[in-house]
């Protein structure tokens, strides 16, 4: 598999997928998401690969969606993504495709993991973080909320009060705080990150493959059963929000590297 924004290294029953946009901290744009979606489709038909480790090149796992004039223009030129409702539907399909992979998935969080980047990690079955990892949800800084089904998924992991705190304050947390609240499974020194992920793979690989697949599907279904009804509402909510002056000010402030000036 050859991609421009991903490095895929497959060996035996394991695929290691590296988000490869280190110059912009592996921010997500249309291209990387389309390439990842293509990878998900290929993995769905891959009966040999039982495990997938996702990580990021350079200093970050992913800083989330790329908010630049160029990336926005790139999206609007695609008819299938040309308005906020369609973009949200695409984001939902993308995240669901990742979450429902047949393989056991592990996020190796090697640095900044925020916004949509954190949603990628939350969609994995396990999250192992480097001691230098930083996790957070900056969306309300821009005047938007945590979309693509990210809010329900985060709430399932850390509970309503902590999810509200992370989303409403936009304060980043350390790897050890993420461990304390249940957002990650384990914290290790940076040099041990991939080794620790592969050790987890080796433990699960000795178990029955069919039993593991069924377990994954049952746990996912049970944990999101009450949240699924929220997903169809998000595209219309975001479409309305993106027409507001609040979002325009939030994005403009981000691009100008200044605090936003939201009106009441």
Protein backbone atom coordinates (compact mmCIF):
# COMPACT_ATOMS: atom_id res chain seq x y z
CA UNK A 1 0.00 0.00 0.00
CA UNK A 2 1.56 3.31 -1.09
CA UNK A 3 0.18 6.61 0.13
CA UNK A 4 1.43 10.19 0.19
CA UNK A 5 0.39 10.96 3.76
CA UNK A 6 0.65 7.54 5.40
CA UNK A 7 3.37 4.97 5.97
CA UNK A 8 2.02 1.42 6.25
CA UNK A 9 4.38 -1.29 7.47
CA UNK A 10 2.90 -4.79 7.50
CA UNK A 11 4.58 -7.80 9.06
CA UNK A 12 2.88 -11.13 9.84
CA UNK A 13 -0.41 -10.31 11.60
CA UNK A 14 0.42 -6.66 12.40
CA UNK A 15 0.18 -3.41 10.44
CA UNK A 16 1.81 -0.24 11.78
CA UNK A 17 0.20 2.87 10.28
CA UNK A 18 2.09 6.14 10.66
CA UNK A 19 0.39 9.46 9.93
CA UNK A 20 3.11 11.13 7.87
CA UNK A 21 2.65 14.89 7.84
CA UNK A 22 5.24 15.75 10.51
CA UNK A 23 5.81 19.28 9.26
CA UNK A 24 2.30 20.26 10.41
CA UNK A 25 2.10 17.80 13.30
CA UNK A 26 0.02 15.30 11.32
CA UNK A 27 -2.97 17.58 10.96
CA UNK A 28 -5.91 15.99 9.16
CA UNK A 29 -6.90 17.33 5.76
CA UNK A 30 -9.02 15.86 2.97
CA UNK A 31 -6.12 13.94 1.45
CA UNK A 32 -4.99 12.11 4.57
CA UNK A 33 -8.59 11.26 5.49
CA UNK A 34 -9.33 9.87 2.02
CA UNK A 35 -6.13 7.84 2.13
CA UNK A 36 -6.98 6.51 5.59
CA UNK A 37 -10.51 5.65 4.43
CA UNK A 38 -8.99 3.72 1.52
CA UNK A 39 -6.73 1.93 3.99
CA UNK A 40 -9.72 1.05 6.18
CA UNK A 41 -11.46 -0.49 3.16
CA UNK A 42 -8.37 -2.57 2.38
CA UNK A 43 -7.99 -3.68 5.99
CA UNK A 44 -11.62 -4.77 6.05
CA UNK A 45 -10.82 -7.31 3.30
CA UNK A 46 -7.48 -8.31 4.86
CA UNK A 47 -7.93 -11.57 6.75
CA UNK A 48 -4.25 -11.98 7.61
CA UNK A 49 -3.78 -8.73 9.54
CA UNK A 50 -5.25 -9.03 13.04
CA UNK A 51 -3.76 -5.95 14.67
CA UNK A 52 -3.18 -2.33 13.66
CA UNK A 53 -1.05 0.20 15.54
CA UNK A 54 -1.68 3.85 14.64
CA UNK A 55 0.96 6.46 15.43
CA UNK A 56 2.31 9.76 14.13
CA UNK A 57 5.58 10.76 12.51
CA UNK A 58 7.71 13.33 14.32
CA UNK A 59 6.60 15.15 17.47
CA UNK A 60 2.85 14.46 17.40
CA UNK A 61 0.21 11.81 17.04
CA UNK A 62 -2.11 14.36 15.41
CA UNK A 63 -3.16 17.92 16.24
CA UNK A 64 -6.55 17.33 14.62
CA UNK A 65 -8.26 18.95 11.66
CA UNK A 66 -6.16 21.32 9.60
CA UNK A 67 -7.65 24.81 9.76
CA UNK A 68 -5.87 26.76 7.03
CA UNK A 69 -7.21 28.71 4.10
CA UNK A 70 -5.65 26.21 1.71
CA UNK A 71 -7.16 23.15 3.41
CA UNK A 72 -10.62 24.74 3.53
CA UNK A 73 -10.45 25.67 -0.14
CA UNK A 74 -9.33 22.15 -1.01
CA UNK A 75 -12.39 20.70 0.69
CA UNK A 76 -14.86 23.13 -0.89
CA UNK A 77 -13.67 22.18 -4.39
CA UNK A 78 -14.95 18.63 -3.85
CA UNK A 79 -18.71 18.38 -4.57
CA UNK A 80 -19.11 15.54 -2.08
CA UNK A 81 -17.67 17.73 0.72
CA UNK A 82 -18.70 21.18 -0.43
CA UNK A 83 -20.83 22.18 2.57
CA UNK A 84 -20.70 21.62 6.32
CA UNK A 85 -23.48 19.02 6.39
CA UNK A 86 -21.71 16.85 3.80
CA UNK A 87 -18.37 17.31 5.57
CA UNK A 88 -19.94 16.13 8.83
CA UNK A 89 -21.48 13.10 7.15
CA UNK A 90 -18.06 12.27 5.70
CA UNK A 91 -16.47 12.67 9.14
CA UNK A 92 -19.05 10.34 10.68
CA UNK A 93 -18.48 7.69 7.99
CA UNK A 94 -14.72 8.01 8.41
CA UNK A 95 -14.75 7.61 12.20
CA UNK A 96 -17.24 4.75 12.08
CA UNK A 97 -15.10 2.95 9.48
CA UNK A 98 -12.11 3.21 11.80
CA UNK A 99 -14.01 2.22 14.93
CA UNK A 100 -15.56 -0.83 13.27
CA UNK A 101 -12.40 -2.34 11.80
CA UNK A 102 -12.26 -6.09 12.32
CA UNK A 103 -8.68 -5.78 13.60
CA UNK A 104 -7.70 -4.95 17.17
CA UNK A 105 -6.48 -1.34 17.02
CA UNK A 106 -3.98 0.44 19.26
CA UNK A 107 -3.15 4.15 19.29
CA UNK A 108 0.53 4.74 20.08
CA UNK A 109 0.26 8.35 21.27
CA UNK A 110 3.69 9.84 20.84
CA UNK A 111 3.08 13.55 21.42
CA UNK A 112 0.29 16.06 20.84
CA UNK A 113 -3.05 14.31 20.43
CA UNK A 114 -5.84 16.86 20.30
CA UNK A 115 -9.17 17.56 18.63
CA UNK A 116 -9.90 15.20 15.75
CA UNK A 117 -6.52 13.58 16.48
CA UNK A 118 -7.84 12.59 19.90
CA UNK A 119 -10.97 11.26 18.20
CA UNK A 120 -8.75 8.97 16.11
CA UNK A 121 -7.16 7.65 19.30
CA UNK A 122 -10.51 7.25 21.06
CA UNK A 123 -11.75 5.17 18.12
CA UNK A 124 -8.98 2.65 18.75
CA UNK A 125 -9.53 -0.28 21.08
CA UNK A 126 -6.51 0.64 23.22
CA UNK A 127 -4.47 3.78 23.80
CA UNK A 128 -0.89 3.66 25.04
CA UNK A 129 0.70 7.06 25.60
CA UNK A 130 4.25 8.27 25.79
CA UNK A 131 5.13 10.22 28.93
CA UNK A 132 5.48 13.34 26.77
CA UNK A 133 2.00 13.03 25.27
CA UNK A 134 -0.46 15.91 25.59
CA UNK A 135 -4.19 15.37 25.04
CA UNK A 136 -7.01 17.85 24.69
CA UNK A 137 -10.07 19.19 22.89
CA UNK A 138 -9.58 22.76 21.54
CA UNK A 139 -12.75 23.01 19.44
CA UNK A 140 -14.72 25.51 21.54
CA UNK A 141 -11.76 27.89 21.23
CA UNK A 142 -12.88 28.15 17.59
CA UNK A 143 -16.54 28.47 18.46
CA UNK A 144 -17.43 24.94 17.36
CA UNK A 145 -18.25 21.80 19.30
CA UNK A 146 -16.61 18.37 19.32
CA UNK A 147 -18.17 16.71 16.28
CA UNK A 148 -17.84 13.56 14.13
CA UNK A 149 -19.35 11.59 17.01
CA UNK A 150 -16.36 12.50 19.16
CA UNK A 151 -18.31 13.86 22.15
CA UNK A 152 -20.32 10.67 22.81
CA UNK A 153 -17.23 8.49 22.37
CA UNK A 154 -15.20 10.63 24.77
CA UNK A 155 -18.07 10.62 27.29
CA UNK A 156 -18.17 6.81 27.25
CA UNK A 157 -14.49 6.68 28.22
CA UNK A 158 -14.17 9.40 30.85
CA UNK A 159 -17.74 10.10 32.01
CA UNK A 160 -19.97 13.16 31.52
CA UNK A 161 -18.33 15.52 34.04
CA UNK A 162 -14.77 15.01 32.80
CA UNK A 163 -15.88 15.11 29.15
CA UNK A 164 -17.56 18.48 29.77
CA UNK A 165 -14.45 19.76 31.53
CA UNK A 166 -12.14 18.76 28.67
CA UNK A 167 -14.44 20.18 25.98
CA UNK A 168 -15.53 23.37 27.73
CA UNK A 169 -12.19 24.48 29.16
CA UNK A 170 -10.01 23.43 26.19
CA UNK A 171 -7.23 22.69 28.70
CA UNK A 172 -4.74 20.06 27.61
CA UNK A 173 -3.91 17.26 30.02
CA UNK A 174 -0.79 15.19 30.55
CA UNK A 175 -0.44 11.51 29.75
CA UNK A 176 -0.63 10.63 33.45
CA UNK A 177 -3.81 12.66 33.95
CA UNK A 178 -5.25 10.88 30.90
CA UNK A 179 -4.36 7.58 32.55
CA UNK A 180 -6.01 8.64 35.81
CA UNK A 181 -9.33 9.47 34.16
CA UNK A 182 -9.35 6.38 31.93
CA UNK A 183 -8.61 8.09 28.64
CA UNK A 184 -5.50 5.96 28.04
CA UNK A 185 -4.68 2.41 29.10
CA UNK A 186 -1.01 2.86 29.89
CA UNK A 187 1.82 5.43 30.00
CA UNK A 188 5.39 4.51 29.13
CA UNK A 189 8.70 6.29 28.43
CA UNK A 190 8.97 7.51 24.81
CA UNK A 191 11.58 4.94 23.85
CA UNK A 192 9.32 2.11 25.05
CA UNK A 193 6.13 3.19 23.27
CA UNK A 194 6.17 0.90 20.23
CA UNK A 195 7.63 -1.98 22.24
CA UNK A 196 4.79 -1.70 24.74
CA UNK A 197 2.20 -1.66 21.94
CA UNK A 198 3.73 -4.76 20.35
CA UNK A 199 3.80 -6.53 23.72
CA UNK A 200 0.04 -5.97 23.98
CA UNK A 201 -0.36 -7.37 20.46
CA UNK A 202 1.58 -10.48 21.45
CA UNK A 203 -0.62 -11.05 24.52
CA UNK A 204 -3.87 -10.81 22.56
CA UNK A 205 -2.51 -12.79 19.60
CA UNK A 206 -2.48 -15.96 21.72
CA UNK A 207 -6.27 -15.74 22.21
CA UNK A 208 -8.95 -17.06 19.87
CA UNK A 209 -9.25 -14.71 16.85
CA UNK A 210 -13.00 -15.17 16.48
CA UNK A 211 -13.59 -14.68 20.21
CA UNK A 212 -11.57 -11.44 20.12
CA UNK A 213 -13.53 -10.08 17.14
CA UNK A 214 -16.84 -10.86 18.81
CA UNK A 215 -15.66 -9.31 22.07
CA UNK A 216 -14.71 -6.08 20.28
CA UNK A 217 -18.08 -5.82 18.57
CA UNK A 218 -20.02 -6.58 21.75
CA UNK A 219 -18.16 -4.02 23.85
CA UNK A 220 -18.49 -1.35 21.16
CA UNK A 221 -22.21 -2.02 20.78
CA UNK A 222 -22.81 -1.98 24.53
CA UNK A 223 -20.82 1.19 25.20
CA UNK A 224 -22.37 3.26 22.41
CA UNK A 225 -25.92 1.90 22.50
CA UNK A 226 -27.38 5.01 24.15
CA UNK A 227 -25.18 7.43 22.21
CA UNK A 228 -25.91 6.34 18.64
CA UNK A 229 -29.15 8.35 18.42
CA UNK A 230 -27.11 11.55 18.73
CA UNK A 231 -25.07 10.99 15.58
CA UNK A 232 -27.76 11.74 12.96
CA UNK A 233 -28.39 15.14 14.59
CA UNK A 234 -24.83 16.43 14.34
CA UNK A 235 -24.66 17.34 10.62
CA UNK A 236 -27.64 19.70 10.87
CA UNK A 237 -26.40 21.17 14.16
CA UNK A 238 -22.97 21.87 12.70
CA UNK A 239 -24.45 23.26 9.48
CA UNK A 240 -26.39 25.80 11.55
CA UNK A 241 -23.41 26.60 13.77
CA UNK A 242 -21.04 27.19 10.86
CA UNK A 243 -23.35 29.95 9.57
CA UNK A 244 -22.94 31.89 12.80
CA UNK A 245 -20.62 34.85 13.39
CA UNK A 246 -19.16 32.93 16.34
CA UNK A 247 -17.46 30.34 14.16
CA UNK A 248 -16.25 32.94 11.68
CA UNK A 249 -14.60 34.85 14.52
CA UNK A 250 -13.14 31.68 16.06
CA UNK A 251 -11.52 30.49 12.84
CA UNK A 252 -10.31 33.99 11.90
CA UNK A 253 -8.73 34.41 15.33
CA UNK A 254 -7.00 31.05 14.97
CA UNK A 255 -5.60 31.98 11.57
CA UNK A 256 -4.44 35.36 12.94
CA UNK A 257 -2.97 33.71 16.07
CA UNK A 258 -4.95 35.88 18.50
CA UNK A 259 -7.57 35.24 21.19
CA UNK A 260 -11.11 35.17 19.77
CA UNK A 261 -13.49 37.99 20.63
CA UNK A 262 -16.85 36.25 21.01
CA UNK A 263 -19.94 38.39 21.54
CA UNK A 264 -22.65 37.38 23.99
